[in-house]
Protein backbone atom coordinates (compact mmCIF):
# COMPACT_ATOMS: atom_id res chain seq x y z
CA MET A 1 0.00 0.00 0.00
CA SER A 2 1.59 3.25 -1.13
CA VAL A 3 0.97 6.58 0.59
CA VAL A 4 0.51 9.66 -1.63
CA ASN A 5 -0.88 12.64 0.28
CA VAL A 6 -1.24 16.22 -0.99
CA LEU A 7 -1.95 19.69 0.35
CA LEU A 8 -2.26 22.77 -1.86
CA THR A 9 -2.06 26.21 -0.26
CA LYS A 10 -1.97 29.60 -1.97
CA ARG A 11 1.83 29.62 -2.03
CA GLU A 12 2.95 26.01 -1.94
CA GLY A 13 2.05 22.58 -3.18
CA MET A 14 3.08 19.72 -0.86
CA LEU A 15 3.21 16.05 -1.76
CA CYS A 16 4.11 13.37 0.79
CA THR A 17 5.02 9.72 0.10
CA ASP A 18 6.35 6.68 1.93
CA THR A 19 9.21 4.63 0.46
CA PHE A 20 8.35 0.93 0.76
CA GLY A 21 8.65 -0.95 -2.53
CA TYR A 22 7.16 -4.36 -3.35
CA ASP A 23 7.75 -7.17 -5.78
CA VAL A 24 5.00 -8.46 -8.07
CA ALA A 25 3.79 -10.79 -5.30
CA GLY A 26 3.36 -7.88 -2.89
CA ARG A 27 6.38 -8.58 -0.68
CA VAL A 28 8.50 -5.70 0.63
CA LEU A 29 11.83 -5.49 -1.22
CA GLY A 30 13.22 -2.34 0.34
CA GLU A 31 12.88 1.39 -0.26
CA VAL A 32 12.16 3.22 -3.52
CA SER A 33 11.53 6.81 -4.51
CA LYS A 34 7.83 7.17 -5.26
CA CYS A 35 7.97 10.89 -5.96
CA ILE A 36 10.28 12.21 -8.66
CA ILE A 37 10.83 15.93 -9.18
CA VAL A 38 11.42 17.78 -12.46
CA PRO A 39 12.81 21.09 -11.17
CA HIS A 40 12.96 22.96 -14.49
CA HIS A 41 9.20 22.43 -14.88
CA ARG A 42 8.50 22.85 -11.13
CA LEU A 43 6.72 19.49 -11.20
CA ALA A 44 6.49 16.61 -8.72
CA ILE A 45 5.24 13.24 -9.96
CA ALA A 46 4.18 10.48 -7.55
CA THR A 47 2.73 7.10 -8.37
CA ARG A 48 0.94 4.16 -6.80
CA GLY A 49 1.37 0.77 -8.39
CA SER A 50 4.64 0.25 -10.25
CA ALA A 51 7.53 2.38 -8.96
CA ALA A 52 8.76 2.46 -12.55
CA LEU A 53 5.83 4.73 -13.41
CA ALA A 54 7.28 7.73 -11.56
CA TRP A 55 10.68 7.43 -13.23
CA ASN A 56 9.21 6.91 -16.68
CA ALA A 57 6.85 9.84 -16.18
CA ALA A 58 9.75 12.08 -15.11
CA ILE A 59 11.83 11.04 -18.13
CA LEU A 60 8.92 11.69 -20.48
CA VAL A 61 8.22 15.11 -18.96
CA SER A 62 11.91 16.03 -19.08
CA VAL A 63 12.26 15.40 -22.81
CA THR A 64 8.86 16.77 -23.84
CA SER A 65 8.41 20.36 -24.94
CA MET A 66 6.30 21.90 -22.18
CA PRO A 67 6.76 25.67 -22.25
CA ALA A 68 4.08 26.14 -19.61
CA GLY A 69 5.02 23.26 -17.27
CA ILE A 70 1.99 21.66 -15.66
CA ASP A 71 -0.29 23.93 -17.69
CA SER A 72 1.05 22.24 -20.85
CA LEU A 73 0.84 18.72 -19.42
CA ILE A 74 -2.75 18.44 -18.25
CA PRO A 75 -4.42 18.95 -21.68
CA GLN A 76 -2.53 15.86 -22.94
CA ALA A 77 -3.05 13.79 -19.77
CA GLU A 78 -4.53 10.72 -21.48
CA ARG A 79 -1.69 10.40 -23.99
CA PHE A 80 0.81 11.02 -21.18
CA MET A 81 -0.64 8.21 -19.05
CA GLN A 82 -0.72 5.75 -21.94
CA ARG A 83 2.90 6.45 -22.83
CA ILE A 84 4.26 5.98 -19.31
CA LEU A 85 2.23 2.80 -18.78
CA ASP A 86 3.59 1.38 -22.05
CA ALA A 87 7.14 2.32 -21.04
CA SER A 88 6.72 0.69 -17.64
CA LEU A 89 5.43 -2.55 -19.14
CA TYR A 90 8.38 -2.62 -21.54
CA GLN A 91 10.85 -1.95 -18.72
CA MET A 92 9.42 -4.80 -16.64
CA GLY A 93 9.53 -7.16 -19.62
CA ARG A 94 5.80 -7.69 -19.56
CA ALA A 95 3.30 -7.77 -22.38
CA GLY A 96 -0.31 -6.73 -22.15
CA CYS A 97 -1.80 -3.94 -20.11
CA MET A 98 -1.84 -2.46 -16.65
CA ASP A 99 -3.64 0.07 -14.50
CA GLY A 100 -1.81 3.05 -13.09
CA GLU A 101 -2.25 5.98 -10.72
CA VAL A 102 -0.28 9.21 -11.02
CA THR A 103 -0.47 12.31 -8.85
CA ILE A 104 1.06 15.48 -10.28
CA VAL A 105 1.70 18.67 -8.32
CA GLY A 106 3.28 21.71 -9.94
CA TRP A 107 3.41 25.47 -10.07
CA SER A 108 0.92 26.97 -12.51
CA ASP A 109 1.87 30.35 -13.95
CA ALA A 110 -1.62 30.61 -15.39
CA ALA A 111 -3.22 30.26 -11.95
CA GLY A 112 -0.44 32.00 -10.04
CA ALA A 113 -0.61 29.14 -7.54
CA PRO A 114 0.27 25.47 -7.14
CA VAL A 115 -2.13 23.00 -8.73
CA GLY A 116 -2.47 19.26 -8.53
CA HIS A 117 -4.13 16.53 -10.56
CA TYR A 118 -4.90 12.89 -9.87
CA LEU A 119 -4.85 10.64 -12.94
CA GLU A 120 -5.90 6.99 -13.01
CA TRP A 121 -5.86 4.79 -16.08
CA ILE A 122 -8.39 1.95 -15.75
CA GLU A 123 -7.34 -0.63 -18.32
CA SER A 124 -10.46 -2.80 -18.07
CA ARG A 125 -12.55 0.19 -19.15
CA GLY A 126 -9.96 1.76 -21.44
CA THR A 127 -10.62 5.11 -19.82
CA LEU A 128 -8.74 7.82 -17.94
CA PHE A 129 -10.14 9.16 -14.68
CA ALA A 130 -8.77 12.68 -14.14
CA GLU A 131 -9.59 14.87 -11.18
CA PRO A 132 -8.09 18.18 -10.02
CA ILE A 133 -6.94 18.21 -6.41
CA GLN A 134 -8.87 20.75 -4.39
CA PRO A 135 -6.79 23.39 -2.58
CA GLY A 136 -6.97 23.98 1.16
CA ARG A 137 -7.56 20.40 2.28
CA TYR A 138 -5.50 17.25 2.75
CA ASP A 139 -6.02 14.85 -0.14
CA MET A 140 -5.18 11.26 0.85
CA GLN A 141 -4.34 8.14 -1.14
CA PRO A 142 -5.36 5.65 0.15
CA ARG A 143 -8.38 7.27 1.72
CA LEU A 144 -8.74 6.49 5.39
CA LEU A 145 -11.66 4.54 6.77
CA PRO A 146 -13.54 6.44 9.53
CA GLU A 147 -12.11 4.31 12.34
CA PHE A 148 -8.58 5.35 11.33
CA ALA A 149 -9.23 9.10 11.08
CA PRO A 150 -6.12 11.09 12.12
CA ASP A 151 -5.90 13.72 14.84
CA THR A 152 -6.58 17.09 13.18
CA ARG A 153 -5.06 19.29 15.88
CA HIS A 154 -1.99 19.77 13.67
CA ALA A 155 -3.89 20.74 10.52
CA ASN A 156 -2.06 24.10 10.40
CA ASP A 157 1.35 22.40 10.68
CA PRO A 158 1.63 20.42 7.40
CA PRO A 159 4.69 18.26 8.27
CA ALA A 160 3.09 17.23 11.57
CA MET A 161 -0.26 16.61 9.89
CA PHE A 162 1.33 14.55 7.12
CA ARG A 163 3.03 12.42 9.78
CA GLY A 164 -0.30 11.91 11.53
CA ILE A 165 -2.07 10.94 8.30
CA ALA A 166 0.68 8.53 7.25
CA ASN A 167 0.72 6.89 10.69
CA ALA A 168 -3.06 6.42 10.44
CA GLN A 169 -2.64 4.92 6.95
CA ARG A 170 0.08 2.66 8.35
CA LYS A 171 -2.27 1.43 11.08
CA MET A 172 -5.01 0.80 8.52
CA ALA A 173 -2.60 -1.14 6.31
CA ALA A 174 -1.40 -3.24 9.27
CA ALA A 175 -4.97 -4.05 10.28
CA ARG A 176 -6.39 -4.82 6.83
CA TYR A 177 -3.41 -5.63 4.58
CA PRO A 178 -0.58 -7.00 6.77
CA GLY A 179 1.41 -8.13 3.73
CA ASN A 180 1.41 -4.62 2.21
CA PRO A 181 2.62 -2.22 4.92
CA VAL A 182 3.22 1.51 4.79
CA GLY A 183 6.76 2.23 5.91
CA GLY A 184 10.36 3.16 5.30
CA ARG A 185 10.62 6.93 5.31
CA LEU A 186 8.18 9.77 4.82
CA ILE A 187 9.38 12.17 2.14
CA LEU A 188 7.86 15.64 1.77
CA THR A 189 8.17 17.37 -1.60
CA THR A 190 7.38 21.08 -1.80
CA VAL A 191 6.88 23.21 -4.92
CA ASN A 192 6.37 26.96 -5.12
CA ARG A 193 6.86 29.86 -7.53
CA HIS A 194 10.63 29.81 -7.04
CA GLY A 195 11.43 26.10 -7.18
CA MET A 196 11.28 22.80 -5.34
CA GLU A 197 12.72 20.87 -2.42
CA GLN A 198 12.50 17.38 -0.91
CA ARG A 199 13.19 16.36 2.67
CA GLN A 200 12.60 13.47 5.02
CA ILE A 201 10.12 14.27 7.79
CA HIS A 202 9.82 10.84 9.41
CA ALA A 203 11.35 7.35 9.48
CA TRP A 204 9.80 4.16 10.80
CA PRO A 205 11.88 1.47 12.58
CA ASP A 206 10.99 -1.27 10.12
CA ASP A 207 12.85 -4.56 9.71
CA VAL A 208 12.67 -5.25 5.97
CA ALA A 209 14.02 -8.80 6.36
CA LYS A 210 11.12 -9.73 8.64
CA LEU A 211 8.58 -8.04 6.39
CA ARG A 212 9.83 -10.02 3.39
CA ALA A 213 8.82 -13.19 5.19
CA VAL A 214 5.20 -12.08 5.61
CA ALA A 215 2.85 -13.54 3.01
CA PRO A 216 1.26 -10.74 0.98
CA VAL A 217 -2.46 -10.07 1.01
CA THR A 218 -3.96 -10.17 -2.47
CA GLU A 219 -7.15 -8.28 -1.68
CA ALA A 220 -7.34 -5.00 -3.59
CA GLU A 221 -6.42 -1.80 -1.81
CA PRO A 222 -9.30 0.45 -0.74
CA ALA A 223 -10.16 3.15 -3.24
């Protein structure tokens, strides 16, 4: 279960991810970067599913003519998703098709503010689900069930709130999907008018060797 949480304010876009990576059977292999930044476009790209998606998306964005950054990318979102999914399948040596989820946060010169978009390609339907991320609230992937709702006392302190949300998602994963834990490190990516930065805001004391021995749960993650 991969954590991808977002907050958009008037001045900054923040995207927070964990770092646990899994093999195709769902077992923890170690840590991977789930959020890749493209500084010259002031773009952060995070994925759930294959970790290769984020890298392929960043490569594609880096070599594509996008004079307006995220404002140039969103109108071609469907083609963008199809190309990075195809590249990821090729990289993994697999034929066929796959689903994919991509969260993009970047600075929009047109809006004069950070913007974010959630893109999901649903292969069985052959359709792209695209939704703008609403500013001023914490957007969570996976969404928390009511019994795991985080403490909101730190809502005005984004790093503290992101830690609280991720810990709640970690508890939910442990309770419902013990073979697919949230863990490793919590990485916060920030984008604003002037540029980008990434930093670690939390680390969990996980033993990867022990987690590898846990049989994965094959039930689908909650939407």
